[in-house]
Protein backbone atom coordinates (compact mmCIF):
# COMPACT_ATOMS: atom_id res chain seq x y z
CA MET A 1 5.13 -19.41 -0.08
CA ARG A 2 2.58 -16.92 0.93
CA LEU A 3 1.29 -13.96 -1.08
CA VAL A 4 1.61 -10.52 1.07
CA TRP A 5 -0.88 -7.69 -0.12
CA VAL A 6 0.53 -4.65 1.88
CA ALA A 7 -2.16 -1.81 1.56
CA CYS A 8 -2.77 1.54 1.59
CA ASP A 9 -5.48 4.00 1.65
CA ALA A 10 -4.88 6.58 -1.38
CA ALA A 11 -4.60 9.95 0.66
CA THR A 12 -1.68 7.91 2.84
CA LEU A 13 0.03 6.96 -0.63
CA ARG A 14 0.00 10.49 -2.13
CA GLY A 15 1.46 11.44 1.22
CA ARG A 16 4.47 9.37 1.00
CA LEU A 17 5.02 9.99 -2.38
CA GLU A 18 5.30 13.81 -1.92
CA ALA A 19 7.31 13.48 1.38
CA ARG A 20 9.95 11.26 -0.08
CA GLY A 21 10.06 13.51 -3.28
CA ARG A 22 12.25 11.39 -5.73
CA PRO A 23 12.11 12.27 -9.28
CA HIS A 24 10.48 9.71 -10.29
CA ASP A 25 7.53 9.75 -8.85
CA ALA A 26 6.63 12.92 -10.71
CA GLY A 27 4.27 11.14 -13.06
CA LYS A 28 2.32 9.60 -10.63
CA LEU A 29 2.05 12.60 -8.71
CA ALA A 30 0.99 15.07 -11.56
CA ASP A 31 -2.11 12.35 -12.29
CA PHE A 32 -2.45 10.48 -9.30
CA ALA A 33 -5.99 9.65 -10.24
CA ALA A 34 -4.80 7.84 -13.16
CA PHE A 35 -2.21 6.31 -10.96
CA THR A 36 -4.19 5.08 -8.29
CA ALA A 37 -6.89 3.86 -11.34
CA ARG A 38 -3.90 1.74 -12.69
CA MET A 39 -2.44 0.68 -9.56
CA ARG A 40 -6.15 0.39 -7.56
CA PRO A 41 -4.39 0.41 -4.18
CA ASP A 42 -7.21 -0.47 -2.80
CA VAL A 43 -8.10 -3.55 -4.58
CA PRO A 44 -7.11 -6.78 -2.50
CA PRO A 45 -5.59 -9.83 -5.14
CA PRO A 46 -8.22 -12.20 -6.40
CA VAL A 47 -6.28 -15.38 -5.05
CA PRO A 48 -5.37 -15.89 -1.16
CA HIS A 49 -3.30 -13.86 0.46
CA LEU A 50 -2.18 -12.37 4.00
CA ALA A 51 -3.37 -8.46 3.97
CA VAL A 52 -1.57 -6.49 6.08
CA ASP A 53 -2.07 -2.18 6.50
CA ASN A 54 0.30 0.31 5.40
CA GLY A 55 -1.97 2.74 5.89
CA ALA A 56 -1.51 6.00 8.45
CA ASP A 57 -3.59 4.73 10.73
CA GLY A 58 -2.35 0.32 10.17
CA ARG A 59 -0.23 -0.95 13.14
CA PRO A 60 3.52 -1.31 12.76
CA LEU A 61 3.97 -4.62 10.17
CA ASP A 62 6.29 -6.44 11.69
CA GLU A 63 3.34 -7.25 13.90
CA GLN A 64 0.84 -7.39 11.66
CA LEU A 65 3.06 -10.02 10.05
CA GLN A 66 3.81 -11.66 13.47
CA ARG A 67 0.03 -11.97 14.42
CA ALA A 68 -0.96 -13.28 11.09
CA LEU A 69 1.97 -15.85 10.96
CA THR A 70 1.33 -17.06 14.37
CA SER A 71 -2.90 -17.42 14.01
């Protein structure tokens, strides 16, 4: 078993939440600073993990996973 940390910068995360327009995201967007402080999207887990970048500039996730699993 491997832990996969899916990283995403806060700006991309906000844009994706806004774009999907789901009612349950309203609280996150209403106080986005508190949401990101709580969720810490830029802080990797303190245990061994495989990191993939799900930000706007990241390569496709399947490509990143394939590369990481075959290295």
